[in-house]
């Protein structure tokens, strides 16, 4: 999926505010996250294994939280 480029206008020469807005819009658009993901190749099996481990960990954490409530 192609993402739109992030642009920011500098108003009244306030470069700090423009940088702050640029950083937040870059994070919100997902460009930074995509860059980190593409930094190195990950085999599909590695990605799937990590997703499974994360799902198991989340499920166990939820069960522990449920036990603490009762």
PDB file of N, CA and C in Angstrom:
ATOM      1  N   UNK A   1       0.837  -1.172   0.000  1.00  0.00           N
ATOM      2  CA  UNK A   1       0.000   0.000   0.000  1.00  0.00           C
ATOM      3  C   UNK A   1       0.885   1.240   0.000  1.00  0.00           C
ATOM      4  N   UNK A   2       0.644   2.139  -0.916  1.00  0.00           N
ATOM      5  CA  UNK A   2       1.437   3.352  -1.030  1.00  0.00           C
ATOM      6  C   UNK A   2       0.877   4.408  -0.084  1.00  0.00           C
ATOM      7  N   UNK A   3       1.787   5.022   0.657  1.00  0.00           N
ATOM      8  CA  UNK A   3       1.385   6.030   1.612  1.00  0.00           C
ATOM      9  C   UNK A   3       1.705   7.415   1.079  1.00  0.00           C
ATOM     10  N   UNK A   4       0.902   8.378   1.471  1.00  0.00           N
ATOM     11  CA  UNK A   4       1.119   9.754   1.032  1.00  0.00           C
ATOM     12  C   UNK A   4       2.351  10.327   1.718  1.00  0.00           C
ATOM     13  N   UNK A   5       3.039  11.208   1.028  1.00  0.00           N
ATOM     14  CA  UNK A   5       4.198  11.854   1.615  1.00  0.00           C
ATOM     15  C   UNK A   5       3.754  12.808   2.711  1.00  0.00           C
ATOM     16  N   UNK A   6       4.606  12.943   3.711  1.00  0.00           N
ATOM     17  CA  UNK A   6       4.314  13.826   4.821  1.00  0.00           C
ATOM     18  C   UNK A   6       4.923  15.194   4.540  1.00  0.00           C
ATOM     19  N   UNK A   7       4.100  16.218   4.604  1.00  0.00           N
ATOM     20  CA  UNK A   7       4.592  17.586   4.407  1.00  0.00           C
ATOM     21  C   UNK A   7       4.133  18.450   5.569  1.00  0.00           C
ATOM     22  N   UNK A   8       4.928  19.472   5.854  1.00  0.00           N
ATOM     23  CA  UNK A   8       4.604  20.401   6.930  1.00  0.00           C
ATOM     24  C   UNK A   8       4.997  21.809   6.496  1.00  0.00           C
ATOM     25  N   UNK A   9       4.120  22.756   6.737  1.00  0.00           N
ATOM     26  CA  UNK A   9       4.412  24.150   6.407  1.00  0.00           C
ATOM     27  C   UNK A   9       5.002  24.843   7.636  1.00  0.00           C
ATOM     28  N   UNK A  10       6.012  25.671   7.399  1.00  0.00           N
ATOM     29  CA  UNK A  10       6.607  26.476   8.461  1.00  0.00           C
ATOM     30  C   UNK A  10       5.857  27.797   8.501  1.00  0.00           C
ATOM     31  N   UNK A  11       5.226  28.074   9.627  1.00  0.00           N
ATOM     32  CA  UNK A  11       4.422  29.287   9.784  1.00  0.00           C
ATOM     33  C   UNK A  11       5.188  30.283  10.652  1.00  0.00           C
ATOM     34  N   UNK A  12       5.358  31.478  10.158  1.00  0.00           N
ATOM     35  CA  UNK A  12       6.025  32.580  10.863  1.00  0.00           C
ATOM     36  C   UNK A  12       7.453  32.213  11.291  1.00  0.00           C
ATOM     37  N   UNK A  13       8.121  31.364  10.524  1.00  0.00           N
ATOM     38  CA  UNK A  13       9.510  31.024  10.812  1.00  0.00           C
ATOM     39  C   UNK A  13       9.716  30.172  12.053  1.00  0.00           C
ATOM     40  N   UNK A  14       8.648  29.576  12.586  1.00  0.00           N
ATOM     41  CA  UNK A  14       8.748  28.752  13.798  1.00  0.00           C
ATOM     42  C   UNK A  14       9.137  27.328  13.402  1.00  0.00           C
ATOM     43  N   UNK A  15      10.438  27.097  13.298  1.00  0.00           N
ATOM     44  CA  UNK A  15      10.941  25.804  12.825  1.00  0.00           C
ATOM     45  C   UNK A  15      10.724  24.702  13.850  1.00  0.00           C
ATOM     46  N   UNK A  16      10.795  25.015  15.140  1.00  0.00           N
ATOM     47  CA  UNK A  16      10.628  23.987  16.181  1.00  0.00           C
ATOM     48  C   UNK A  16       9.221  23.390  16.152  1.00  0.00           C
ATOM     49  N   UNK A  17       8.244  24.260  16.006  1.00  0.00           N
ATOM     50  CA  UNK A  17       6.857  23.777  15.947  1.00  0.00           C
ATOM     51  C   UNK A  17       6.636  22.941  14.684  1.00  0.00           C
ATOM     52  N   UNK A  18       7.244  23.376  13.567  1.00  0.00           N
ATOM     53  CA  UNK A  18       7.116  22.627  12.316  1.00  0.00           C
ATOM     54  C   UNK A  18       7.761  21.249  12.445  1.00  0.00           C
ATOM     55  N   UNK A  19       8.927  21.172  13.078  1.00  0.00           N
ATOM     56  CA  UNK A  19       9.582  19.874  13.288  1.00  0.00           C
ATOM     57  C   UNK A  19       8.737  18.956  14.156  1.00  0.00           C
ATOM     58  N   UNK A  20       8.147  19.538  15.196  1.00  0.00           N
ATOM     59  CA  UNK A  20       7.296  18.760  16.091  1.00  0.00           C
ATOM     60  C   UNK A  20       6.103  18.179  15.331  1.00  0.00           C
ATOM     61  N   UNK A  21       5.472  19.001  14.507  1.00  0.00           N
ATOM     62  CA  UNK A  21       4.336  18.533  13.705  1.00  0.00           C
ATOM     63  C   UNK A  21       4.768  17.492  12.673  1.00  0.00           C
ATOM     64  N   UNK A  22       5.947  17.711  12.075  1.00  0.00           N
ATOM     65  CA  UNK A  22       6.455  16.761  11.087  1.00  0.00           C
ATOM     66  C   UNK A  22       6.722  15.395  11.718  1.00  0.00           C
ATOM     67  N   UNK A  23       7.337  15.397  12.898  1.00  0.00           N
ATOM     68  CA  UNK A  23       7.615  14.136  13.591  1.00  0.00           C
ATOM     69  C   UNK A  23       6.321  13.399  13.910  1.00  0.00           C
ATOM     70  N   UNK A  24       5.350  14.114  14.458  1.00  0.00           N
ATOM     71  CA  UNK A  24       4.099  13.456  14.836  1.00  0.00           C
ATOM     72  C   UNK A  24       3.343  12.952  13.622  1.00  0.00           C
ATOM     73  N   UNK A  25       3.355  13.715  12.525  1.00  0.00           N
ATOM     74  CA  UNK A  25       2.649  13.255  11.328  1.00  0.00           C
ATOM     75  C   UNK A  25       3.362  12.071  10.694  1.00  0.00           C
ATOM     76  N   UNK A  26       4.693  12.019  10.788  1.00  0.00           N
ATOM     77  CA  UNK A  26       5.446  10.876  10.272  1.00  0.00           C
ATOM     78  C   UNK A  26       5.125   9.622  11.065  1.00  0.00           C
ATOM     79  N   UNK A  27       5.050   9.744  12.364  1.00  0.00           N
ATOM     80  CA  UNK A  27       4.720   8.593  13.210  1.00  0.00           C
ATOM     81  C   UNK A  27       3.293   8.139  12.939  1.00  0.00           C
ATOM     82  N   UNK A  28       2.362   9.077  12.833  1.00  0.00           N
ATOM     83  CA  UNK A  28       0.963   8.745  12.597  1.00  0.00           C
ATOM     84  C   UNK A  28       0.747   8.083  11.244  1.00  0.00           C
ATOM     85  N   UNK A  29       1.521   8.505  10.242  1.00  0.00           N
ATOM     86  CA  UNK A  29       1.330   7.946   8.907  1.00  0.00           C
ATOM     87  C   UNK A  29       1.880   6.530   8.793  1.00  0.00           C
ATOM     88  N   UNK A  30       2.787   6.142   9.687  1.00  0.00           N
ATOM     89  CA  UNK A  30       3.329   4.787   9.668  1.00  0.00           C
ATOM     90  C   UNK A  30       4.608   4.644   8.864  1.00  0.00           C
ATOM     91  N   UNK A  31       5.167   5.736   8.389  1.00  0.00           N
ATOM     92  CA  UNK A  31       6.398   5.667   7.606  1.00  0.00           C
ATOM     93  C   UNK A  31       7.563   5.126   8.433  1.00  0.00           C
ATOM     94  N   UNK A  32       7.679   5.570   9.672  1.00  0.00           N
ATOM     95  CA  UNK A  32       8.779   5.143  10.520  1.00  0.00           C
ATOM     96  C   UNK A  32       8.699   3.648  10.817  1.00  0.00           C
ATOM     97  N   UNK A  33       7.501   3.182  11.122  1.00  0.00           N
ATOM     98  CA  UNK A  33       7.312   1.761  11.421  1.00  0.00           C
ATOM     99  C   UNK A  33       7.650   0.895  10.207  1.00  0.00           C
ATOM    100  N   UNK A  34       7.238   1.331   9.033  1.00  0.00           N
ATOM    101  CA  UNK A  34       7.534   0.585   7.814  1.00  0.00           C
ATOM    102  C   UNK A  34       9.038   0.560   7.542  1.00  0.00           C
ATOM    103  N   UNK A  35       9.699   1.660   7.812  1.00  0.00           N
ATOM    104  CA  UNK A  35      11.140   1.729   7.614  1.00  0.00           C
ATOM    105  C   UNK A  35      11.854   0.738   8.525  1.00  0.00           C
ATOM    106  N   UNK A  36      11.427   0.657   9.762  1.00  0.00           N
ATOM    107  CA  UNK A  36      12.042  -0.286  10.701  1.00  0.00           C
ATOM    108  C   UNK A  36      11.802  -1.725  10.260  1.00  0.00           C
ATOM    109  N   UNK A  37      10.609  -2.004   9.759  1.00  0.00           N
ATOM    110  CA  UNK A  37      10.304  -3.356   9.309  1.00  0.00           C
ATOM    111  C   UNK A  37      11.135  -3.753   8.096  1.00  0.00           C
ATOM    112  N   UNK A  38      11.387  -2.819   7.213  1.00  0.00           N
ATOM    113  CA  UNK A  38      12.107  -3.111   5.977  1.00  0.00           C
ATOM    114  C   UNK A  38      13.622  -3.072   6.130  1.00  0.00           C
ATOM    115  N   UNK A  39      14.105  -2.724   7.305  1.00  0.00           N
ATOM    116  CA  UNK A  39      15.541  -2.598   7.510  1.00  0.00           C
ATOM    117  C   UNK A  39      16.264  -3.910   7.227  1.00  0.00           C
ATOM    118  N   UNK A  40      15.663  -5.000   7.613  1.00  0.00           N
ATOM    119  CA  UNK A  40      16.247  -6.308   7.337  1.00  0.00           C
ATOM    120  C   UNK A  40      15.150  -7.292   6.961  1.00  0.00           C
ATOM    121  N   UNK A  41      15.513  -8.257   6.135  1.00  0.00           N
ATOM    122  CA  UNK A  41      14.535  -9.231   5.656  1.00  0.00           C
ATOM    123  C   UNK A  41      14.240 -10.248   6.747  1.00  0.00           C
ATOM    124  N   UNK A  42      12.966 -10.558   6.903  1.00  0.00           N
ATOM    125  CA  UNK A  42      12.546 -11.597   7.837  1.00  0.00           C
ATOM    126  C   UNK A  42      11.787 -12.643   7.057  1.00  0.00           C
ATOM    127  N   UNK A  43      12.197 -13.882   7.247  1.00  0.00           N
ATOM    128  CA  UNK A  43      11.530 -14.959   6.534  1.00  0.00           C
ATOM    129  C   UNK A  43      10.085 -15.075   7.014  1.00  0.00           C
ATOM    130  N   UNK A  44       9.180 -15.481   6.138  1.00  0.00           N
ATOM    131  CA  UNK A  44       7.767 -15.603   6.528  1.00  0.00           C
ATOM    132  C   UNK A  44       7.561 -16.536   7.710  1.00  0.00           C
ATOM    133  N   UNK A  45       8.348 -17.613   7.791  1.00  0.00           N
ATOM    134  CA  UNK A  45       8.189 -18.531   8.922  1.00  0.00           C
ATOM    135  C   UNK A  45       8.592 -17.860  10.226  1.00  0.00           C
ATOM    136  N   UNK A  46       9.599 -17.001  10.186  1.00  0.00           N
ATOM    137  CA  UNK A  46      10.023 -16.283  11.389  1.00  0.00           C
ATOM    138  C   UNK A  46       8.939 -15.320  11.846  1.00  0.00           C
ATOM    139  N   UNK A  47       8.323 -14.642  10.901  1.00  0.00           N
ATOM    140  CA  UNK A  47       7.247 -13.703  11.230  1.00  0.00           C
ATOM    141  C   UNK A  47       6.072 -14.456  11.841  1.00  0.00           C
ATOM    142  N   UNK A  48       5.708 -15.588  11.240  1.00  0.00           N
ATOM    143  CA  UNK A  48       4.586 -16.385  11.729  1.00  0.00           C
ATOM    144  C   UNK A  48       4.882 -16.937  13.123  1.00  0.00           C
ATOM    145  N   UNK A  49       6.114 -17.390  13.336  1.00  0.00           N
ATOM    146  CA  UNK A  49       6.505 -17.927  14.645  1.00  0.00           C
ATOM    147  C   UNK A  49       6.414 -16.843  15.714  1.00  0.00           C
ATOM    148  N   UNK A  50       6.868 -15.631  15.390  1.00  0.00           N
ATOM    149  CA  UNK A  50       6.806 -14.536  16.353  1.00  0.00           C
ATOM    150  C   UNK A  50       5.360 -14.167  16.664  1.00  0.00           C
ATOM    151  N   UNK A  51       4.507 -14.155  15.652  1.00  0.00           N
ATOM    152  CA  UNK A  51       3.097 -13.847  15.878  1.00  0.00           C
ATOM    153  C   UNK A  51       2.457 -14.885  16.797  1.00  0.00           C
ATOM    154  N   UNK A  52       2.789 -16.149  16.578  1.00  0.00           N
ATOM    155  CA  UNK A  52       2.236 -17.218  17.422  1.00  0.00           C
ATOM    156  C   UNK A  52       2.723 -17.069  18.867  1.00  0.00           C
ATOM    157  N   UNK A  53       4.022 -16.789  19.044  1.00  0.00           N
ATOM    158  CA  UNK A  53       4.562 -16.617  20.393  1.00  0.00           C
ATOM    159  C   UNK A  53       3.902 -15.440  21.099  1.00  0.00           C
ATOM    160  N   UNK A  54       3.706 -14.337  20.369  1.00  0.00           N
ATOM    161  CA  UNK A  54       3.059 -13.165  20.948  1.00  0.00           C
ATOM    162  C   UNK A  54       1.612 -13.462  21.340  1.00  0.00           C
ATOM    163  N   UNK A  55       0.911 -14.218  20.491  1.00  0.00           N
ATOM    164  CA  UNK A  55      -0.484 -14.560  20.779  1.00  0.00           C
ATOM    165  C   UNK A  55      -0.571 -15.451  22.017  1.00  0.00           C
ATOM    166  N   UNK A  56       0.341 -16.404  22.128  1.00  0.00           N
ATOM    167  CA  UNK A  56       0.356 -17.293  23.293  1.00  0.00           C
ATOM    168  C   UNK A  56       0.657 -16.497  24.548  1.00  0.00           C
ATOM    169  N   UNK A  57       1.647 -15.601  24.457  1.00  0.00           N
ATOM    170  CA  UNK A  57       2.015 -14.790  25.618  1.00  0.00           C
ATOM    171  C   UNK A  57       0.849 -13.913  26.045  1.00  0.00           C
ATOM    172  N   UNK A  58       0.133 -13.322  25.085  1.00  0.00           N
ATOM    173  CA  UNK A  58      -1.003 -12.464  25.408  1.00  0.00           C
ATOM    174  C   UNK A  58      -2.133 -13.261  26.047  1.00  0.00           C
ATOM    175  N   UNK A  59      -2.369 -14.455  25.522  1.00  0.00           N
ATOM    176  CA  UNK A  59      -3.421 -15.307  26.064  1.00  0.00           C
ATOM    177  C   UNK A  59      -3.092 -15.715  27.502  1.00  0.00           C
ATOM    178  N   UNK A  60      -1.840 -16.066  27.764  1.00  0.00           N
ATOM    179  CA  UNK A  60      -1.442 -16.430  29.122  1.00  0.00           C
ATOM    180  C   UNK A  60      -1.558 -15.239  30.062  1.00  0.00           C
ATOM    181  N   UNK A  61      -1.181 -14.067  29.585  1.00  0.00           N
ATOM    182  CA  UNK A  61      -1.279 -12.873  30.407  1.00  0.00           C
ATOM    183  C   UNK A  61      -2.733 -12.579  30.749  1.00  0.00           C
ATOM    184  N   UNK A  62      -3.624 -12.731  29.757  1.00  0.00           N
ATOM    185  CA  UNK A  62      -5.049 -12.506  29.994  1.00  0.00           C
ATOM    186  C   UNK A  62      -5.597 -13.491  31.013  1.00  0.00           C
ATOM    187  N   UNK A  63      -5.171 -14.746  30.933  1.00  0.00           N
ATOM    188  CA  UNK A  63      -5.621 -15.755  31.895  1.00  0.00           C
ATOM    189  C   UNK A  63      -5.141 -15.419  33.299  1.00  0.00           C
ATOM    190  N   UNK A  64      -3.915 -14.962  33.429  1.00  0.00           N
ATOM    191  CA  UNK A  64      -3.381 -14.577  34.740  1.00  0.00           C
ATOM    192  C   UNK A  64      -4.165 -13.392  35.306  1.00  0.00           C
ATOM    193  N   UNK A  65      -4.470 -12.415  34.460  1.00  0.00           N
ATOM    194  CA  UNK A  65      -5.240 -11.261  34.919  1.00  0.00           C
ATOM    195  C   UNK A  65      -6.640 -11.684  35.364  1.00  0.00           C
ATOM    196  N   UNK A  66      -7.218 -12.649  34.638  1.00  0.00           N
ATOM    197  CA  UNK A  66      -8.559 -13.132  34.980  1.00  0.00           C
ATOM    198  C   UNK A  66      -8.529 -13.849  36.324  1.00  0.00           C
ATOM    199  N   UNK A  67      -7.472 -14.602  36.592  1.00  0.00           N
ATOM    200  CA  UNK A  67      -7.349 -15.309  37.867  1.00  0.00           C
ATOM    201  C   UNK A  67      -7.191 -14.334  39.022  1.00  0.00           C
ATOM    202  N   UNK A  68      -6.485 -13.244  38.798  1.00  0.00           N
ATOM    203  CA  UNK A  68      -6.262 -12.252  39.853  1.00  0.00           C
ATOM    204  C   UNK A  68      -7.550 -11.549  40.247  1.00  0.00           C
ATOM    205  N   UNK A  69      -8.457 -11.402  39.297  1.00  0.00           N
ATOM    206  CA  UNK A  69      -9.714 -10.704  39.588  1.00  0.00           C
ATOM    207  C   UNK A  69     -10.573 -11.546  40.540  1.00  0.00           C
ATOM    208  N   UNK A  70     -10.553 -12.853  40.367  1.00  0.00           N
ATOM    209  CA  UNK A  70     -11.390 -13.705  41.213  1.00  0.00           C
ATOM    210  C   UNK A  70     -10.706 -14.155  42.436  1.00  0.00           C
TER     211      UNK A  70
END
